[in-house]
Amino acid sequence: MTRTFAKIFLALFLLTGVGTVLSACNTTAGFGEDMSNAGDAVTNSAEKNK
């Protein structure tokens, strides 16, 4: 049961990541900006939940 859940979770994670990368930007510079914004969001969320 846990292996099935893990496989489903991994598949959803990979599909989400691929979808984000494909739809987020058209250039390498744009990808860098998107990743920076994502990092900022994670940092802000972590700071709020201390």
PDB file of N, CA and C in Angstrom:
ATOM      1  N   MET A   1       0.827  -1.195   0.000  1.00  0.00           N
ATOM      2  CA  MET A   1       0.000   0.000   0.000  1.00  0.00           C
ATOM      3  C   MET A   1       0.868   1.254   0.000  1.00  0.00           C
ATOM      4  N   THR A   2       1.929   1.281   0.810  1.00  0.00           N
ATOM      5  CA  THR A   2       2.774   2.470   0.868  1.00  0.00           C
ATOM      6  C   THR A   2       3.575   2.643  -0.415  1.00  0.00           C
ATOM      7  N   ARG A   3       3.958   1.560  -1.044  1.00  0.00           N
ATOM      8  CA  ARG A   3       4.690   1.680  -2.302  1.00  0.00           C
ATOM      9  C   ARG A   3       3.802   2.275  -3.384  1.00  0.00           C
ATOM     10  N   THR A   4       2.548   1.873  -3.407  1.00  0.00           N
ATOM     11  CA  THR A   4       1.617   2.427  -4.385  1.00  0.00           C
ATOM     12  C   THR A   4       1.439   3.920  -4.151  1.00  0.00           C
ATOM     13  N   PHE A   5       1.272   4.305  -2.886  1.00  0.00           N
ATOM     14  CA  PHE A   5       1.134   5.718  -2.550  1.00  0.00           C
ATOM     15  C   PHE A   5       2.388   6.480  -2.942  1.00  0.00           C
ATOM     16  N   ALA A   6       3.548   5.903  -2.680  1.00  0.00           N
ATOM     17  CA  ALA A   6       4.808   6.560  -3.011  1.00  0.00           C
ATOM     18  C   ALA A   6       4.956   6.737  -4.520  1.00  0.00           C
ATOM     19  N   LYS A   7       4.562   5.742  -5.297  1.00  0.00           N
ATOM     20  CA  LYS A   7       4.643   5.843  -6.754  1.00  0.00           C
ATOM     21  C   LYS A   7       3.697   6.917  -7.277  1.00  0.00           C
ATOM     22  N   ILE A   8       2.504   6.975  -6.732  1.00  0.00           N
ATOM     23  CA  ILE A   8       1.535   7.988  -7.154  1.00  0.00           C
ATOM     24  C   ILE A   8       2.046   9.374  -6.794  1.00  0.00           C
ATOM     25  N   PHE A   9       2.561   9.525  -5.587  1.00  0.00           N
ATOM     26  CA  PHE A   9       3.099  10.815  -5.142  1.00  0.00           C
ATOM     27  C   PHE A   9       4.258  11.242  -6.027  1.00  0.00           C
ATOM     28  N   LEU A  10       5.165  10.327  -6.334  1.00  0.00           N
ATOM     29  CA  LEU A  10       6.307  10.642  -7.184  1.00  0.00           C
ATOM     30  C   LEU A  10       5.852  11.053  -8.579  1.00  0.00           C
ATOM     31  N   ALA A  11       4.891  10.338  -9.135  1.00  0.00           N
ATOM     32  CA  ALA A  11       4.382  10.666 -10.463  1.00  0.00           C
ATOM     33  C   ALA A  11       3.753  12.055 -10.483  1.00  0.00           C
ATOM     34  N   LEU A  12       2.953  12.367  -9.466  1.00  0.00           N
ATOM     35  CA  LEU A  12       2.336  13.691  -9.401  1.00  0.00           C
ATOM     36  C   LEU A  12       3.383  14.780  -9.236  1.00  0.00           C
ATOM     37  N   PHE A  13       4.381  14.522  -8.421  1.00  0.00           N
ATOM     38  CA  PHE A  13       5.464  15.485  -8.208  1.00  0.00           C
ATOM     39  C   PHE A  13       6.207  15.755  -9.513  1.00  0.00           C
ATOM     40  N   LEU A  14       6.539  14.696 -10.244  1.00  0.00           N
ATOM     41  CA  LEU A  14       7.264  14.863 -11.503  1.00  0.00           C
ATOM     42  C   LEU A  14       6.414  15.585 -12.546  1.00  0.00           C
ATOM     43  N   LEU A  15       5.144  15.227 -12.638  1.00  0.00           N
ATOM     44  CA  LEU A  15       4.262  15.894 -13.600  1.00  0.00           C
ATOM     45  C   LEU A  15       4.094  17.366 -13.272  1.00  0.00           C
ATOM     46  N   THR A  16       3.991  17.687 -11.999  1.00  0.00           N
ATOM     47  CA  THR A  16       3.875  19.081 -11.588  1.00  0.00           C
ATOM     48  C   THR A  16       5.140  19.846 -11.949  1.00  0.00           C
ATOM     49  N   GLY A  17       6.279  19.247 -11.687  1.00  0.00           N
ATOM     50  CA  GLY A  17       7.545  19.893 -12.006  1.00  0.00           C
ATOM     51  C   GLY A  17       7.721  20.114 -13.493  1.00  0.00           C
ATOM     52  N   VAL A  18       7.396  19.114 -14.290  1.00  0.00           N
ATOM     53  CA  VAL A  18       7.516  19.239 -15.740  1.00  0.00           C
ATOM     54  C   VAL A  18       6.560  20.307 -16.261  1.00  0.00           C
ATOM     55  N   GLY A  19       5.340  20.308 -15.755  1.00  0.00           N
ATOM     56  CA  GLY A  19       4.363  21.307 -16.175  1.00  0.00           C
ATOM     57  C   GLY A  19       4.806  22.705 -15.826  1.00  0.00           C
ATOM     58  N   THR A  20       5.381  22.865 -14.659  1.00  0.00           N
ATOM     59  CA  THR A  20       5.864  24.176 -14.231  1.00  0.00           C
ATOM     60  C   THR A  20       7.004  24.641 -15.118  1.00  0.00           C
ATOM     61  N   VAL A  21       7.936  23.761 -15.388  1.00  0.00           N
ATOM     62  CA  VAL A  21       9.089  24.130 -16.214  1.00  0.00           C
ATOM     63  C   VAL A  21       8.646  24.480 -17.634  1.00  0.00           C
ATOM     64  N   LEU A  22       7.732  23.713 -18.180  1.00  0.00           N
ATOM     65  CA  LEU A  22       7.317  23.956 -19.558  1.00  0.00           C
ATOM     66  C   LEU A  22       6.459  25.207 -19.709  1.00  0.00           C
ATOM     67  N   SER A  23       5.687  25.544 -18.708  1.00  0.00           N
ATOM     68  CA  SER A  23       4.789  26.682 -18.843  1.00  0.00           C
ATOM     69  C   SER A  23       5.329  27.963 -18.229  1.00  0.00           C
ATOM     70  N   ALA A  24       6.383  27.876 -17.438  1.00  0.00           N
ATOM     71  CA  ALA A  24       6.844  29.035 -16.676  1.00  0.00           C
ATOM     72  C   ALA A  24       7.589  30.058 -17.517  1.00  0.00           C
ATOM     73  N   CYS A  25       8.373  29.620 -18.474  1.00  0.00           N
ATOM     74  CA  CYS A  25       9.206  30.586 -19.183  1.00  0.00           C
ATOM     75  C   CYS A  25       9.634  30.040 -20.527  1.00  0.00           C
ATOM     76  N   ASN A  26      10.171  30.930 -21.330  1.00  0.00           N
ATOM     77  CA  ASN A  26      10.657  30.540 -22.653  1.00  0.00           C
ATOM     78  C   ASN A  26      12.163  30.669 -22.785  1.00  0.00           C
ATOM     79  N   THR A  27      12.808  31.240 -21.779  1.00  0.00           N
ATOM     80  CA  THR A  27      14.255  31.444 -21.863  1.00  0.00           C
ATOM     81  C   THR A  27      14.928  30.996 -20.570  1.00  0.00           C
ATOM     82  N   THR A  28      16.220  30.841 -20.627  1.00  0.00           N
ATOM     83  CA  THR A  28      16.978  30.467 -19.441  1.00  0.00           C
ATOM     84  C   THR A  28      16.925  31.565 -18.395  1.00  0.00           C
ATOM     85  N   ALA A  29      16.990  32.810 -18.823  1.00  0.00           N
ATOM     86  CA  ALA A  29      16.917  33.926 -17.879  1.00  0.00           C
ATOM     87  C   ALA A  29      15.552  33.932 -17.177  1.00  0.00           C
ATOM     88  N   GLY A  30      14.510  33.680 -17.923  1.00  0.00           N
ATOM     89  CA  GLY A  30      13.173  33.612 -17.348  1.00  0.00           C
ATOM     90  C   GLY A  30      13.061  32.476 -16.347  1.00  0.00           C
ATOM     91  N   PHE A  31      13.694  31.347 -16.643  1.00  0.00           N
ATOM     92  CA  PHE A  31      13.680  30.214 -15.726  1.00  0.00           C
ATOM     93  C   PHE A  31      14.383  30.577 -14.427  1.00  0.00           C
ATOM     94  N   GLY A  32      15.499  31.291 -14.529  1.00  0.00           N
ATOM     95  CA  GLY A  32      16.226  31.718 -13.330  1.00  0.00           C
ATOM     96  C   GLY A  32      15.383  32.637 -12.465  1.00  0.00           C
ATOM     97  N   GLU A  33      14.666  33.543 -13.089  1.00  0.00           N
ATOM     98  CA  GLU A  33      13.786  34.444 -12.338  1.00  0.00           C
ATOM     99  C   GLU A  33      12.661  33.668 -11.665  1.00  0.00           C
ATOM    100  N   ASP A  34      12.090  32.710 -12.388  1.00  0.00           N
ATOM    101  CA  ASP A  34      11.012  31.902 -11.819  1.00  0.00           C
ATOM    102  C   ASP A  34      11.505  31.097 -10.625  1.00  0.00           C
ATOM    103  N   MET A  35      12.696  30.518 -10.730  1.00  0.00           N
ATOM    104  CA  MET A  35      13.242  29.741  -9.624  1.00  0.00           C
ATOM    105  C   MET A  35      13.550  30.642  -8.431  1.00  0.00           C
ATOM    106  N   SER A  36      14.008  31.834  -8.701  1.00  0.00           N
ATOM    107  CA  SER A  36      14.283  32.791  -7.627  1.00  0.00           C
ATOM    108  C   SER A  36      12.993  33.157  -6.893  1.00  0.00           C
ATOM    109  N   ASN A  37      11.938  33.395  -7.654  1.00  0.00           N
ATOM    110  CA  ASN A  37      10.646  33.713  -7.043  1.00  0.00           C
ATOM    111  C   ASN A  37      10.111  32.544  -6.220  1.00  0.00           C
ATOM    112  N   ALA A  38      10.299  31.337  -6.727  1.00  0.00           N
ATOM    113  CA  ALA A  38       9.857  30.157  -5.982  1.00  0.00           C
ATOM    114  C   ALA A  38      10.654  30.019  -4.690  1.00  0.00           C
ATOM    115  N   GLY A  39      11.949  30.261  -4.746  1.00  0.00           N
ATOM    116  CA  GLY A  39      12.788  30.198  -3.551  1.00  0.00           C
ATOM    117  C   GLY A  39      12.379  31.243  -2.523  1.00  0.00           C
ATOM    118  N   ASP A  40      12.056  32.438  -3.001  1.00  0.00           N
ATOM    119  CA  ASP A  40      11.600  33.495  -2.097  1.00  0.00           C
ATOM    120  C   ASP A  40      10.295  33.098  -1.412  1.00  0.00           C
ATOM    121  N   ALA A  41       9.390  32.477  -2.163  1.00  0.00           N
ATOM    122  CA  ALA A  41       8.112  32.060  -1.591  1.00  0.00           C
ATOM    123  C   ALA A  41       8.324  30.997  -0.517  1.00  0.00           C
ATOM    124  N   VAL A  42       9.226  30.062  -0.761  1.00  0.00           N
ATOM    125  CA  VAL A  42       9.506  29.020   0.231  1.00  0.00           C
ATOM    126  C   VAL A  42      10.134  29.637   1.483  1.00  0.00           C
ATOM    127  N   THR A  43      11.065  30.556   1.274  1.00  0.00           N
ATOM    128  CA  THR A  43      11.711  31.217   2.404  1.00  0.00           C
ATOM    129  C   THR A  43      10.708  31.995   3.233  1.00  0.00           C
ATOM    130  N   ASN A  44       9.847  32.757   2.574  1.00  0.00           N
ATOM    131  CA  ASN A  44       8.834  33.541   3.297  1.00  0.00           C
ATOM    132  C   ASN A  44       7.878  32.641   4.065  1.00  0.00           C
ATOM    133  N   SER A  45       7.499  31.534   3.457  1.00  0.00           N
ATOM    134  CA  SER A  45       6.593  30.595   4.126  1.00  0.00           C
ATOM    135  C   SER A  45       7.263  29.983   5.347  1.00  0.00           C
ATOM    136  N   ALA A  46       8.535  29.646   5.218  1.00  0.00           N
ATOM    137  CA  ALA A  46       9.265  29.064   6.348  1.00  0.00           C
ATOM    138  C   ALA A  46       9.386  30.076   7.488  1.00  0.00           C
ATOM    139  N   GLU A  47       9.638  31.325   7.146  1.00  0.00           N
ATOM    140  CA  GLU A  47       9.762  32.368   8.173  1.00  0.00           C
ATOM    141  C   GLU A  47       8.430  32.574   8.898  1.00  0.00           C
ATOM    142  N   LYS A  48       7.333  32.522   8.174  1.00  0.00           N
ATOM    143  CA  LYS A  48       6.015  32.723   8.784  1.00  0.00           C
ATOM    144  C   LYS A  48       5.648  31.570   9.727  1.00  0.00           C
ATOM    145  N   ASN A  49       6.143  30.369   9.422  1.00  0.00           N
ATOM    146  CA  ASN A  49       5.752  29.180  10.191  1.00  0.00           C
ATOM    147  C   ASN A  49       6.762  28.771  11.238  1.00  0.00           C
ATOM    148  N   LYS A  50       7.641  29.672  11.646  1.00  0.00           N
ATOM    149  CA  LYS A  50       8.628  29.354  12.689  1.00  0.00           C
ATOM    150  C   LYS A  50       7.938  29.195  14.018  1.00  0.00           C
TER     151      LYS A  50
END
